[in-house]
Amino acid sequence: MAEALVNIGSNLGDRHALIGQAVAAIESALHTVARMAPIERSEPWGYEGDNEYLNLGIALDVPDDMSPCELHELLQCIQNDIDSSPHRTPEGGYVDRHIDIDFIALDDAIVDTPQLTLPHPRMHLREFVLRPIMALSPEWRHPILHLTAAELLSRL
């Protein structure tokens, strides 16, 4: 089994319920139980917004026969089932959202396709992503930067 690190965020609607719905759907689809870090609160990242985010980092066991792209597609389907609203403006900027599921990492996999980049290309810039990784998988090292989440966090 491989370990996937996923971040689930929400800054619209019943944020706790939406995040819970996402976790339940992921657990059901993968027939696993997620390990959860404490919820992180954060201001919108990469755009101006009035609504605070709740972010939940989770770690999941993923079957060895599931490719990173298959897991990404599954996470995107769950996200769209919960809320299919666009996550970007027509110009490409971020917007408030009911649910956002980001695939952060899968063990030490490095993936660079038009559909998926692993590890997540901006994870090392986001405290609300790094703090949960420190709690869930403190020994994990970024496979490109070769630093732990704690080391990446100290650089912010």
Protein backbone atom coordinates (compact mmCIF):
# COMPACT_ATOMS: atom_id res chain seq x y z
CA MET A 1 0.00 0.00 0.00
CA ALA A 2 1.10 3.51 -0.79
CA GLU A 3 0.29 6.53 1.36
CA ALA A 4 -1.48 9.47 -0.25
CA LEU A 5 -1.49 12.91 1.34
CA VAL A 6 -4.58 14.96 0.51
CA ASN A 7 -5.77 18.41 1.60
CA ILE A 8 -9.48 19.23 1.68
CA GLY A 9 -10.56 22.84 2.01
CA SER A 10 -13.80 24.80 2.14
CA ASN A 11 -14.64 28.46 2.65
CA LEU A 12 -18.33 28.55 1.65
CA GLY A 13 -21.45 26.96 3.09
CA ASP A 14 -21.39 24.47 5.96
CA ARG A 15 -17.63 23.97 5.78
CA HIS A 16 -17.44 21.21 8.40
CA ALA A 17 -20.23 19.21 6.77
CA LEU A 18 -18.77 19.59 3.28
CA ILE A 19 -15.32 18.47 4.42
CA GLY A 20 -16.90 15.54 6.27
CA GLN A 21 -18.82 14.59 3.14
CA ALA A 22 -15.59 14.61 1.12
CA VAL A 23 -13.74 12.45 3.66
CA ALA A 24 -16.60 9.95 3.80
CA ALA A 25 -16.74 9.69 0.01
CA ILE A 26 -12.97 9.18 -0.27
CA GLU A 27 -12.97 6.53 2.47
CA SER A 28 -15.88 4.72 0.85
CA ALA A 29 -14.33 4.78 -2.62
CA LEU A 30 -10.96 3.50 -1.40
CA HIS A 31 -12.31 1.13 1.29
CA THR A 32 -10.01 2.68 3.86
CA VAL A 33 -10.08 4.91 6.91
CA ALA A 34 -8.35 8.27 6.61
CA ARG A 35 -5.95 9.48 9.25
CA MET A 36 -6.82 13.11 9.92
CA ALA A 37 -4.75 16.04 11.15
CA PRO A 38 -6.34 18.83 13.17
CA ILE A 39 -8.30 21.31 11.06
CA GLU A 40 -6.28 24.34 9.97
CA ARG A 41 -7.86 27.75 9.49
CA SER A 42 -6.41 30.00 6.81
CA GLU A 43 -7.07 33.10 4.82
CA PRO A 44 -7.59 32.64 1.08
CA TRP A 45 -4.28 31.82 -0.59
CA GLY A 46 -3.40 33.41 -3.92
CA TYR A 47 -6.37 35.80 -4.05
CA GLU A 48 -8.28 38.35 -1.99
CA GLY A 49 -11.38 37.00 -0.26
CA ASP A 50 -13.49 37.59 2.83
CA ASN A 51 -14.20 33.98 3.75
CA GLU A 52 -11.81 32.02 5.96
CA TYR A 53 -10.92 28.49 4.88
CA LEU A 54 -11.09 25.35 6.92
CA ASN A 55 -8.45 22.88 5.71
CA LEU A 56 -8.17 19.23 6.64
CA GLY A 57 -5.08 17.21 5.84
CA ILE A 58 -5.62 13.47 5.53
CA ALA A 59 -3.38 10.46 4.90
CA LEU A 60 -4.82 7.45 3.08
CA ASP A 61 -3.69 3.96 2.22
CA VAL A 62 -3.99 3.50 -1.53
CA PRO A 63 -3.90 0.10 -3.26
CA ASP A 64 -0.64 -0.54 -5.10
CA ASP A 65 -2.53 -1.19 -8.33
CA MET A 66 -4.09 2.30 -8.34
CA SER A 67 -2.02 4.76 -10.35
CA PRO A 68 -1.54 8.37 -9.23
CA CYS A 69 -3.63 9.50 -12.21
CA GLU A 70 -6.47 7.15 -11.25
CA LEU A 71 -6.45 8.48 -7.69
CA HIS A 72 -6.42 12.05 -8.98
CA GLU A 73 -9.42 11.33 -11.22
CA LEU A 74 -11.27 9.76 -8.28
CA LEU A 75 -10.59 12.79 -6.06
CA GLN A 76 -11.71 15.17 -8.81
CA CYS A 77 -14.93 13.18 -9.33
CA ILE A 78 -15.69 13.36 -5.60
CA GLN A 79 -14.99 17.09 -5.58
CA ASN A 80 -17.28 17.64 -8.57
CA ASP A 81 -20.02 15.45 -7.08
CA ILE A 82 -20.05 17.67 -3.99
CA ASP A 83 -19.83 20.96 -5.89
CA SER A 84 -19.24 21.32 -9.60
CA SER A 85 -18.79 25.12 -9.48
CA PRO A 86 -15.64 26.40 -11.19
CA HIS A 87 -12.59 26.82 -8.96
CA ARG A 88 -11.09 29.52 -11.14
CA THR A 89 -12.16 32.77 -12.71
CA PRO A 90 -12.21 32.98 -16.52
CA GLU A 91 -8.78 34.65 -16.20
CA GLY A 92 -7.41 31.71 -14.18
CA GLY A 93 -7.49 33.24 -10.69
CA TYR A 94 -8.70 31.43 -7.58
CA VAL A 95 -12.23 31.88 -6.22
CA ASP A 96 -14.09 30.98 -3.02
CA ARG A 97 -15.33 27.41 -3.04
CA HIS A 98 -17.54 24.97 -1.21
CA ILE A 99 -15.00 22.18 -1.55
CA ASP A 100 -11.48 21.85 -2.85
CA ILE A 101 -9.65 18.52 -2.81
CA ASP A 102 -5.92 18.77 -3.52
CA PHE A 103 -3.82 15.68 -4.11
CA ILE A 104 -0.57 16.64 -2.39
CA ALA A 105 1.69 13.58 -2.61
CA LEU A 106 1.83 9.82 -3.04
CA ASP A 107 4.82 8.43 -1.15
CA ASP A 108 7.86 9.64 -3.09
CA ALA A 109 6.18 9.65 -6.53
CA ILE A 110 7.12 12.36 -8.98
CA VAL A 111 4.49 12.94 -11.67
CA ASP A 112 4.45 15.74 -14.23
CA THR A 113 1.61 15.49 -16.74
CA PRO A 114 -0.84 18.09 -18.04
CA GLN A 115 -3.45 16.64 -15.66
CA LEU A 116 -1.37 16.02 -12.53
CA THR A 117 1.80 17.25 -10.87
CA LEU A 118 3.11 15.43 -7.79
CA PRO A 119 4.13 16.49 -5.35
CA HIS A 120 1.65 19.37 -5.53
CA PRO A 121 3.60 22.23 -7.13
CA ARG A 122 2.69 24.84 -4.47
CA MET A 123 2.54 22.63 -1.37
CA HIS A 124 5.86 23.93 -0.05
CA LEU A 125 4.42 27.47 -0.02
CA ARG A 126 1.33 26.68 2.05
CA GLU A 127 1.45 26.45 5.83
CA PHE A 128 -2.05 24.93 5.88
CA VAL A 129 -0.70 22.00 3.83
CA LEU A 130 2.64 21.55 5.57
CA ARG A 131 1.36 21.55 9.17
CA PRO A 132 -0.97 18.55 8.57
CA ILE A 133 1.83 16.64 6.85
CA MET A 134 4.02 17.24 9.91
CA ALA A 135 1.28 15.71 12.07
CA LEU A 136 0.39 12.80 9.77
CA SER A 137 3.68 11.81 8.21
CA PRO A 138 6.58 13.65 9.89
CA GLU A 139 9.25 11.51 8.20
CA TRP A 140 7.90 12.16 4.67
CA ARG A 141 10.38 14.01 2.47
CA HIS A 142 9.56 16.06 -0.58
CA PRO A 143 11.00 13.88 -3.36
CA ILE A 144 12.38 16.85 -5.31
CA LEU A 145 13.40 19.28 -2.56
CA HIS A 146 14.49 16.43 -0.20
CA LEU A 147 13.11 18.26 2.85
CA THR A 148 10.56 17.23 5.46
CA ALA A 149 7.38 19.22 5.98
CA ALA A 150 8.93 20.72 9.14
CA GLU A 151 12.00 21.83 7.19
CA LEU A 152 9.81 23.31 4.43
CA LEU A 153 7.65 25.09 7.01
CA SER A 154 10.72 26.64 8.66
CA ARG A 155 11.57 28.24 5.30
CA LEU A 156 8.25 30.08 5.01
